Amino acid sequence: MDKPTHLIEFETMVLGRHLSLTAPRPRRGGGLLDRSAYTLLSRLSVEGPMSIGGLSEAFGLDTSTLNRQTAAMLRTGLVERIPDPDGGIARRFRVTSEGERSLAAARAENVGGLEKVMAGWEPEEVAALAAYLKRFNMDVARLDGRLWPRT
């Protein structure tokens, strides 16, 4: 277990256990903003309205999974269906103002949690971790062929 890649594997498993992103959180007005909703809303807020097919391609998930996830988000008012602006028959999903508020609140909660954890870190250490995580994620996306849009 002393090989660096073995240590990274172990630490990423532990990280996944500790991240507040993986825990459902109460949403104002009831319901939960779970990990899938957080991830989908994050993507839609950057990329704009997307169809089930577009989401399937972007996430590498089957359409039945995305149909369940988007149906739950529709029921709780986080997204709405809109006509395809290109005139196609497929409908697209767009983040509602409630979805934007919920995403912003969840993101603020997550950032606050990270700031608590790293309160004793030097700013350079926080910046270095951010840079390494970005590089890691960019390399994973490059190998996977699904780049995550960045603002």
N, C-alpha and C. Protein backbone atom coordinates (compact mmCIF):
# COMPACT_ATOMS: atom_id res chain seq x y z
N MET A 1 0.83 -1.20 0.00
CA MET A 1 0.00 0.00 0.00
C MET A 1 0.87 1.25 0.00
N ASP A 2 2.14 1.12 -0.24
CA ASP A 2 3.01 2.29 -0.22
C ASP A 2 3.21 2.92 -1.60
N LYS A 3 2.68 2.28 -2.64
CA LYS A 3 2.77 2.85 -3.98
C LYS A 3 1.85 4.07 -4.05
N PRO A 4 2.30 5.20 -4.60
CA PRO A 4 1.46 6.41 -4.61
C PRO A 4 0.07 6.22 -5.19
N THR A 5 -0.07 5.45 -6.28
CA THR A 5 -1.41 5.27 -6.85
C THR A 5 -2.31 4.48 -5.91
N HIS A 6 -1.75 3.57 -5.11
CA HIS A 6 -2.55 2.86 -4.11
C HIS A 6 -3.01 3.83 -3.02
N LEU A 7 -2.13 4.72 -2.63
CA LEU A 7 -2.49 5.71 -1.61
C LEU A 7 -3.56 6.67 -2.14
N ILE A 8 -3.45 7.07 -3.40
CA ILE A 8 -4.45 7.95 -4.01
C ILE A 8 -5.80 7.24 -4.07
N GLU A 9 -5.79 5.96 -4.47
CA GLU A 9 -7.04 5.20 -4.52
C GLU A 9 -7.70 5.17 -3.16
N PHE A 10 -6.93 4.90 -2.13
CA PHE A 10 -7.49 4.83 -0.78
C PHE A 10 -8.01 6.20 -0.33
N GLU A 11 -7.22 7.24 -0.55
CA GLU A 11 -7.63 8.58 -0.10
C GLU A 11 -8.84 9.09 -0.86
N THR A 12 -8.98 8.77 -2.15
CA THR A 12 -10.17 9.22 -2.89
C THR A 12 -11.41 8.47 -2.40
N MET A 13 -11.23 7.20 -2.00
CA MET A 13 -12.35 6.45 -1.42
C MET A 13 -12.78 7.11 -0.11
N VAL A 14 -11.83 7.47 0.73
CA VAL A 14 -12.16 8.12 2.00
C VAL A 14 -12.78 9.50 1.74
N LEU A 15 -12.23 10.23 0.77
CA LEU A 15 -12.78 11.53 0.42
C LEU A 15 -14.24 11.42 0.01
N GLY A 16 -14.55 10.42 -0.82
CA GLY A 16 -15.93 10.20 -1.23
C GLY A 16 -16.85 9.97 -0.05
N ARG A 17 -16.33 9.37 0.98
CA ARG A 17 -17.11 9.11 2.19
C ARG A 17 -17.37 10.40 2.97
N HIS A 18 -16.44 11.32 2.92
CA HIS A 18 -16.54 12.53 3.73
C HIS A 18 -17.22 13.71 3.04
N LEU A 19 -17.26 13.71 1.73
CA LEU A 19 -17.79 14.89 1.03
C LEU A 19 -19.26 15.13 1.35
N SER A 20 -19.56 16.36 1.71
CA SER A 20 -20.96 16.70 1.99
C SER A 20 -21.79 16.65 0.72
N LEU A 21 -21.14 16.67 -0.45
CA LEU A 21 -21.88 16.61 -1.71
C LEU A 21 -22.64 15.31 -1.85
N THR A 22 -22.18 14.25 -1.20
CA THR A 22 -22.82 12.95 -1.37
C THR A 22 -24.02 12.75 -0.46
N ALA A 23 -24.20 13.65 0.49
CA ALA A 23 -25.32 13.49 1.43
C ALA A 23 -26.50 14.32 0.98
N PRO A 24 -27.70 13.74 1.00
CA PRO A 24 -28.88 14.56 0.69
C PRO A 24 -28.99 15.70 1.70
N ARG A 25 -29.47 16.82 1.23
CA ARG A 25 -29.63 17.98 2.12
C ARG A 25 -31.06 18.49 2.00
N PRO A 26 -31.62 18.96 3.10
CA PRO A 26 -32.98 19.51 3.03
C PRO A 26 -32.99 20.73 2.10
N ARG A 27 -34.07 20.85 1.37
CA ARG A 27 -34.24 21.97 0.46
C ARG A 27 -35.34 22.86 1.01
N ARG A 28 -35.15 24.17 0.88
CA ARG A 28 -36.19 25.10 1.34
C ARG A 28 -37.49 24.76 0.62
N GLY A 29 -38.57 24.64 1.37
CA GLY A 29 -39.85 24.30 0.76
C GLY A 29 -40.07 22.79 0.68
N GLY A 30 -39.17 22.01 1.30
CA GLY A 30 -39.34 20.56 1.31
C GLY A 30 -38.51 19.88 0.26
N GLY A 31 -38.42 18.59 0.36
CA GLY A 31 -37.66 17.80 -0.59
C GLY A 31 -36.17 17.83 -0.31
N LEU A 32 -35.43 17.17 -1.16
CA LEU A 32 -33.99 17.08 -0.99
C LEU A 32 -33.28 17.46 -2.28
N LEU A 33 -32.12 18.07 -2.13
CA LEU A 33 -31.24 18.29 -3.27
C LEU A 33 -30.14 17.25 -3.13
N ASP A 34 -30.33 16.12 -3.80
CA ASP A 34 -29.38 15.04 -3.67
C ASP A 34 -28.21 15.22 -4.63
N ARG A 35 -27.28 14.28 -4.56
CA ARG A 35 -26.05 14.39 -5.35
C ARG A 35 -26.34 14.46 -6.84
N SER A 36 -27.30 13.65 -7.33
CA SER A 36 -27.58 13.66 -8.76
C SER A 36 -28.20 15.00 -9.18
N ALA A 37 -29.10 15.54 -8.36
CA ALA A 37 -29.70 16.84 -8.67
C ALA A 37 -28.64 17.94 -8.65
N TYR A 38 -27.75 17.88 -7.67
CA TYR A 38 -26.67 18.87 -7.56
C TYR A 38 -25.80 18.84 -8.82
N THR A 39 -25.46 17.64 -9.26
CA THR A 39 -24.59 17.49 -10.43
C THR A 39 -25.31 17.92 -11.71
N LEU A 40 -26.55 17.49 -11.88
CA LEU A 40 -27.31 17.87 -13.08
C LEU A 40 -27.55 19.38 -13.12
N LEU A 41 -27.96 19.96 -12.00
CA LEU A 41 -28.18 21.41 -11.97
C LEU A 41 -26.89 22.17 -12.26
N SER A 42 -25.78 21.68 -11.74
CA SER A 42 -24.49 22.33 -12.01
C SER A 42 -24.19 22.33 -13.49
N ARG A 43 -24.42 21.20 -14.16
CA ARG A 43 -24.14 21.11 -15.59
C ARG A 43 -25.09 22.00 -16.39
N LEU A 44 -26.39 21.93 -16.08
CA LEU A 44 -27.36 22.74 -16.81
C LEU A 44 -27.14 24.23 -16.59
N SER A 45 -26.68 24.62 -15.41
CA SER A 45 -26.47 26.04 -15.15
C SER A 45 -25.30 26.60 -15.95
N VAL A 46 -24.35 25.77 -16.30
CA VAL A 46 -23.19 26.21 -17.09
C VAL A 46 -23.48 26.08 -18.58
N GLU A 47 -24.04 24.95 -18.96
CA GLU A 47 -24.20 24.64 -20.38
C GLU A 47 -25.52 25.13 -20.97
N GLY A 48 -26.52 25.38 -20.12
CA GLY A 48 -27.82 25.80 -20.61
C GLY A 48 -28.72 24.59 -20.83
N PRO A 49 -29.92 24.82 -21.36
CA PRO A 49 -30.89 23.74 -21.53
C PRO A 49 -30.33 22.57 -22.34
N MET A 50 -30.66 21.36 -21.88
CA MET A 50 -30.20 20.15 -22.56
C MET A 50 -31.34 19.13 -22.61
N SER A 51 -31.31 18.30 -23.64
CA SER A 51 -32.28 17.21 -23.78
C SER A 51 -31.80 15.99 -22.99
N ILE A 52 -32.66 15.01 -22.87
CA ILE A 52 -32.27 13.75 -22.23
C ILE A 52 -31.09 13.14 -23.00
N GLY A 53 -31.15 13.19 -24.32
CA GLY A 53 -30.06 12.65 -25.13
C GLY A 53 -28.75 13.39 -24.87
N GLY A 54 -28.82 14.71 -24.77
CA GLY A 54 -27.63 15.50 -24.48
C GLY A 54 -27.07 15.20 -23.10
N LEU A 55 -27.96 15.06 -22.13
CA LEU A 55 -27.52 14.71 -20.77
C LEU A 55 -26.90 13.32 -20.74
N SER A 56 -27.51 12.39 -21.48
CA SER A 56 -26.99 11.03 -21.54
C SER A 56 -25.57 11.02 -22.10
N GLU A 57 -25.38 11.78 -23.16
CA GLU A 57 -24.05 11.87 -23.77
C GLU A 57 -23.05 12.55 -22.82
N ALA A 58 -23.48 13.61 -22.17
CA ALA A 58 -22.60 14.38 -21.29
C ALA A 58 -22.17 13.59 -20.06
N PHE A 59 -23.08 12.78 -19.50
CA PHE A 59 -22.80 12.06 -18.26
C PHE A 59 -22.45 10.59 -18.46
N GLY A 60 -22.70 10.07 -19.66
CA GLY A 60 -22.46 8.65 -19.89
C GLY A 60 -23.44 7.78 -19.13
N LEU A 61 -24.67 8.29 -18.94
CA LEU A 61 -25.71 7.55 -18.23
C LEU A 61 -26.80 7.15 -19.21
N ASP A 62 -27.50 6.05 -18.90
CA ASP A 62 -28.59 5.65 -19.79
C ASP A 62 -29.79 6.57 -19.59
N THR A 63 -30.64 6.63 -20.60
CA THR A 63 -31.76 7.57 -20.59
C THR A 63 -32.78 7.24 -19.49
N SER A 64 -32.92 5.96 -19.14
CA SER A 64 -33.89 5.63 -18.08
C SER A 64 -33.45 6.23 -16.74
N THR A 65 -32.16 6.20 -16.46
CA THR A 65 -31.65 6.82 -15.23
C THR A 65 -31.92 8.32 -15.25
N LEU A 66 -31.62 8.96 -16.37
CA LEU A 66 -31.83 10.41 -16.48
C LEU A 66 -33.30 10.77 -16.48
N ASN A 67 -34.14 9.93 -17.05
CA ASN A 67 -35.59 10.18 -16.98
C ASN A 67 -36.07 10.19 -15.54
N ARG A 68 -35.60 9.25 -14.73
CA ARG A 68 -35.98 9.22 -13.30
C ARG A 68 -35.47 10.48 -12.58
N GLN A 69 -34.20 10.82 -12.83
CA GLN A 69 -33.61 11.97 -12.13
C GLN A 69 -34.28 13.28 -12.53
N THR A 70 -34.52 13.47 -13.82
CA THR A 70 -35.15 14.72 -14.27
C THR A 70 -36.62 14.78 -13.85
N ALA A 71 -37.30 13.62 -13.80
CA ALA A 71 -38.69 13.61 -13.35
C ALA A 71 -38.78 14.07 -11.89
N ALA A 72 -37.85 13.62 -11.07
CA ALA A 72 -37.83 14.06 -9.67
C ALA A 72 -37.55 15.55 -9.58
N MET A 73 -36.67 16.04 -10.42
CA MET A 73 -36.35 17.48 -10.41
C MET A 73 -37.52 18.30 -10.93
N LEU A 74 -38.27 17.77 -11.90
CA LEU A 74 -39.47 18.46 -12.39
C LEU A 74 -40.52 18.55 -11.28
N ARG A 75 -40.72 17.45 -10.57
CA ARG A 75 -41.74 17.42 -9.49
C ARG A 75 -41.43 18.43 -8.40
N THR A 76 -40.15 18.65 -8.13
CA THR A 76 -39.79 19.58 -7.05
C THR A 76 -39.52 20.99 -7.55
N GLY A 77 -39.74 21.23 -8.85
CA GLY A 77 -39.63 22.58 -9.39
C GLY A 77 -38.21 23.07 -9.61
N LEU A 78 -37.24 22.15 -9.66
CA LEU A 78 -35.85 22.56 -9.88
C LEU A 78 -35.54 22.83 -11.34
N VAL A 79 -36.25 22.11 -12.24
CA VAL A 79 -36.09 22.30 -13.68
C VAL A 79 -37.48 22.37 -14.31
N GLU A 80 -37.50 22.84 -15.55
CA GLU A 80 -38.72 22.84 -16.34
C GLU A 80 -38.40 22.35 -17.73
N ARG A 81 -39.42 21.82 -18.41
CA ARG A 81 -39.25 21.39 -19.80
C ARG A 81 -39.57 22.57 -20.70
N ILE A 82 -38.74 22.73 -21.72
CA ILE A 82 -38.98 23.78 -22.71
C ILE A 82 -38.85 23.17 -24.10
N PRO A 83 -39.47 23.80 -25.11
CA PRO A 83 -39.30 23.30 -26.48
C PRO A 83 -37.84 23.43 -26.92
N ASP A 84 -37.44 22.56 -27.82
CA ASP A 84 -36.10 22.62 -28.38
C ASP A 84 -35.97 23.89 -29.21
N PRO A 85 -35.02 24.78 -28.86
CA PRO A 85 -34.88 26.02 -29.63
C PRO A 85 -34.47 25.79 -31.08
N ASP A 86 -33.94 24.60 -31.38
CA ASP A 86 -33.55 24.29 -32.76
C ASP A 86 -34.71 23.72 -33.55
N GLY A 87 -35.89 23.62 -32.92
CA GLY A 87 -37.08 23.16 -33.62
C GLY A 87 -37.28 21.65 -33.61
N GLY A 88 -36.43 20.92 -32.92
CA GLY A 88 -36.59 19.47 -32.85
C GLY A 88 -37.79 19.10 -32.00
N ILE A 89 -38.13 17.82 -32.02
CA ILE A 89 -39.28 17.37 -31.23
C ILE A 89 -38.91 17.11 -29.77
N ALA A 90 -37.63 16.91 -29.52
CA ALA A 90 -37.20 16.66 -28.13
C ALA A 90 -37.40 17.92 -27.30
N ARG A 91 -37.72 17.71 -26.04
CA ARG A 91 -37.83 18.83 -25.11
C ARG A 91 -36.51 18.94 -24.38
N ARG A 92 -36.21 20.12 -23.91
CA ARG A 92 -34.99 20.34 -23.14
C ARG A 92 -35.35 20.70 -21.72
N PHE A 93 -34.39 20.50 -20.83
CA PHE A 93 -34.56 20.84 -19.43
C PHE A 93 -33.77 22.10 -19.13
N ARG A 94 -34.44 23.03 -18.45
CA ARG A 94 -33.83 24.29 -18.07
C ARG A 94 -33.98 24.47 -16.57
N VAL A 95 -32.95 25.01 -15.93
CA VAL A 95 -32.97 25.26 -14.50
C VAL A 95 -33.97 26.39 -14.22
N THR A 96 -34.83 26.19 -13.24
CA THR A 96 -35.79 27.23 -12.83
C THR A 96 -35.12 28.16 -11.82
N SER A 97 -35.81 29.23 -11.48
CA SER A 97 -35.26 30.13 -10.46
C SER A 97 -35.14 29.40 -9.12
N GLU A 98 -36.07 28.50 -8.82
CA GLU A 98 -35.97 27.68 -7.60
C GLU A 98 -34.75 26.77 -7.67
N GLY A 99 -34.50 26.20 -8.85
CA GLY A 99 -33.32 25.37 -9.04
C GLY A 99 -32.03 26.16 -8.85
N GLU A 100 -32.01 27.38 -9.37
CA GLU A 100 -30.83 28.25 -9.21
C GLU A 100 -30.61 28.58 -7.74
N ARG A 101 -31.70 28.92 -7.03
CA ARG A 101 -31.59 29.23 -5.59
C ARG A 101 -31.10 28.01 -4.80
N SER A 102 -31.66 26.84 -5.09
CA SER A 102 -31.26 25.62 -4.39
C SER A 102 -29.81 25.26 -4.66
N LEU A 103 -29.39 25.41 -5.91
CA LEU A 103 -28.00 25.11 -6.27
C LEU A 103 -27.05 26.09 -5.59
N ALA A 104 -27.39 27.36 -5.59
CA ALA A 104 -26.55 28.37 -4.94
C ALA A 104 -26.43 28.10 -3.45
N ALA A 105 -27.54 27.71 -2.81
CA ALA A 105 -27.52 27.42 -1.37
C ALA A 105 -26.67 26.18 -1.09
N ALA A 106 -26.83 25.15 -1.90
CA ALA A 106 -26.05 23.93 -1.71
C ALA A 106 -24.57 24.19 -1.94
N ARG A 107 -24.27 24.97 -2.98
CA ARG A 107 -22.87 25.30 -3.27
C ARG A 107 -22.27 26.11 -2.12
N ALA A 108 -23.00 27.07 -1.58
CA ALA A 108 -22.50 27.86 -0.46
C ALA A 108 -22.25 26.97 0.76
N GLU A 109 -23.15 26.01 0.99
CA GLU A 109 -22.98 25.06 2.10
C GLU A 109 -21.71 24.23 1.89
N ASN A 110 -21.50 23.76 0.68
CA ASN A 110 -20.32 22.95 0.38
C ASN A 110 -19.03 23.76 0.53
N VAL A 111 -19.02 24.97 0.01
CA VAL A 111 -17.83 25.83 0.12
C VAL A 111 -17.56 26.15 1.59
N GLY A 112 -18.61 26.43 2.35
CA GLY A 112 -18.44 26.70 3.77
C GLY A 112 -17.84 25.51 4.51
N GLY A 113 -18.29 24.30 4.15
CA GLY A 113 -17.73 23.10 4.75
C GLY A 113 -16.26 22.92 4.41
N LEU A 114 -15.92 23.17 3.15
CA LEU A 114 -14.51 23.07 2.74
C LEU A 114 -13.66 24.10 3.46
N GLU A 115 -14.19 25.31 3.61
CA GLU A 115 -13.44 26.36 4.31
C GLU A 115 -13.20 26.00 5.77
N LYS A 116 -14.19 25.33 6.40
CA LYS A 116 -14.00 24.86 7.77
C LYS A 116 -12.88 23.83 7.86
N VAL A 117 -12.93 22.86 6.95
CA VAL A 117 -11.93 21.79 6.95
C VAL A 117 -10.53 22.36 6.75
N MET A 118 -10.40 23.34 5.87
CA MET A 118 -9.07 23.87 5.51
C MET A 118 -8.74 25.17 6.23
N ALA A 119 -9.42 25.45 7.32
CA ALA A 119 -9.21 26.71 8.05
C ALA A 119 -7.76 26.88 8.48
N GLY A 120 -7.06 25.81 8.80
CA GLY A 120 -5.67 25.90 9.23
C GLY A 120 -4.66 25.80 8.11
N TRP A 121 -5.12 25.73 6.88
CA TRP A 121 -4.21 25.61 5.73
C TRP A 121 -3.73 26.99 5.29
N GLU A 122 -2.54 27.02 4.74
CA GLU A 122 -2.03 28.24 4.12
C GLU A 122 -2.76 28.44 2.78
N PRO A 123 -2.97 29.67 2.37
CA PRO A 123 -3.64 29.91 1.09
C PRO A 123 -2.96 29.20 -0.09
N GLU A 124 -1.64 29.11 -0.05
CA GLU A 124 -0.91 28.43 -1.13
C GLU A 124 -1.25 26.93 -1.17
N GLU A 125 -1.48 26.34 0.01
CA GLU A 125 -1.83 24.92 0.06
C GLU A 125 -3.22 24.69 -0.53
N VAL A 126 -4.15 25.58 -0.22
CA VAL A 126 -5.51 25.47 -0.77
C VAL A 126 -5.45 25.63 -2.30
N ALA A 127 -4.68 26.61 -2.77
CA ALA A 127 -4.55 26.84 -4.22
C ALA A 127 -3.90 25.63 -4.90
N ALA A 128 -2.90 25.02 -4.25
CA ALA A 128 -2.23 23.85 -4.83
C ALA A 128 -3.20 22.68 -4.94
N LEU A 129 -3.99 22.44 -3.89
CA LEU A 129 -4.97 21.36 -3.94
C LEU A 129 -5.97 21.61 -5.06
N ALA A 130 -6.45 22.84 -5.19
CA ALA A 130 -7.40 23.18 -6.26
C ALA A 130 -6.79 22.90 -7.63
N ALA A 131 -5.55 23.28 -7.81
CA ALA A 131 -4.87 23.08 -9.10
C ALA A 131 -4.70 21.59 -9.40
N TYR A 132 -4.31 20.81 -8.40
CA TYR A 132 -4.14 19.36 -8.62
C TYR A 132 -5.47 18.67 -8.89
N LEU A 133 -6.52 19.07 -8.18
CA LEU A 133 -7.83 18.49 -8.44
C LEU A 133 -8.33 18.82 -9.84
N LYS A 134 -8.12 20.06 -10.26
CA LYS A 134 -8.52 20.45 -11.61
C LYS A 134 -7.75 19.63 -12.64
N ARG A 135 -6.45 19.50 -12.46
CA ARG A 135 -5.64 18.71 -13.40
C ARG A 135 -6.11 17.27 -13.44
N PHE A 136 -6.35 16.69 -12.27
CA PHE A 136 -6.82 15.30 -12.18
C PHE A 136 -8.15 15.15 -12.93
N ASN A 137 -9.10 16.03 -12.65
CA ASN A 137 -10.41 15.95 -13.30
C ASN A 137 -10.33 16.18 -14.80
N MET A 138 -9.47 17.08 -15.23
CA MET A 138 -9.31 17.33 -16.67
C MET A 138 -8.72 16.09 -17.37
N ASP A 139 -7.77 15.42 -16.72
CA ASP A 139 -7.18 14.22 -17.31
C ASP A 139 -8.18 13.07 -17.34
N VAL A 140 -9.00 12.93 -16.30
CA VAL A 140 -10.05 11.90 -16.31
C VAL A 140 -11.03 12.20 -17.45
N ALA A 141 -11.44 13.44 -17.58
CA ALA A 141 -12.39 13.82 -18.63
C ALA A 141 -11.79 13.61 -20.02
N ARG A 142 -10.52 13.91 -20.16
CA ARG A 142 -9.85 13.71 -21.46
C ARG A 142 -9.87 12.23 -21.83
N LEU A 143 -9.55 11.35 -20.89
CA LEU A 143 -9.55 9.91 -21.15
C LEU A 143 -10.95 9.37 -21.40
N ASP A 144 -11.93 9.94 -20.67
CA ASP A 144 -13.33 9.52 -20.80
C ASP A 144 -13.98 10.07 -22.06
N GLY A 145 -13.46 11.19 -22.55
CA GLY A 145 -14.03 11.81 -23.73
C GLY A 145 -15.21 12.71 -23.43
N ARG A 146 -15.46 12.99 -22.16
CA ARG A 146 -16.57 13.87 -21.75
C ARG A 146 -16.03 15.02 -20.93
N LEU A 147 -15.67 16.10 -21.58
CA LEU A 147 -15.15 17.26 -20.88
C LEU A 147 -16.27 17.96 -20.13
N TRP A 148 -15.99 18.38 -18.92
CA TRP A 148 -16.95 19.13 -18.13
C TRP A 148 -16.77 20.60 -18.48
N PRO A 149 -17.85 21.29 -18.86
CA PRO A 149 -17.71 22.71 -19.18
C PRO A 149 -17.30 23.52 -17.96
N ARG A 150 -16.41 24.46 -18.18
CA ARG A 150 -15.93 25.31 -17.09
C ARG A 150 -16.22 26.75 -17.44
N THR A 151 -16.61 27.51 -16.42
CA THR A 151 -16.94 28.91 -16.66
C THR A 151 -15.68 29.74 -16.69
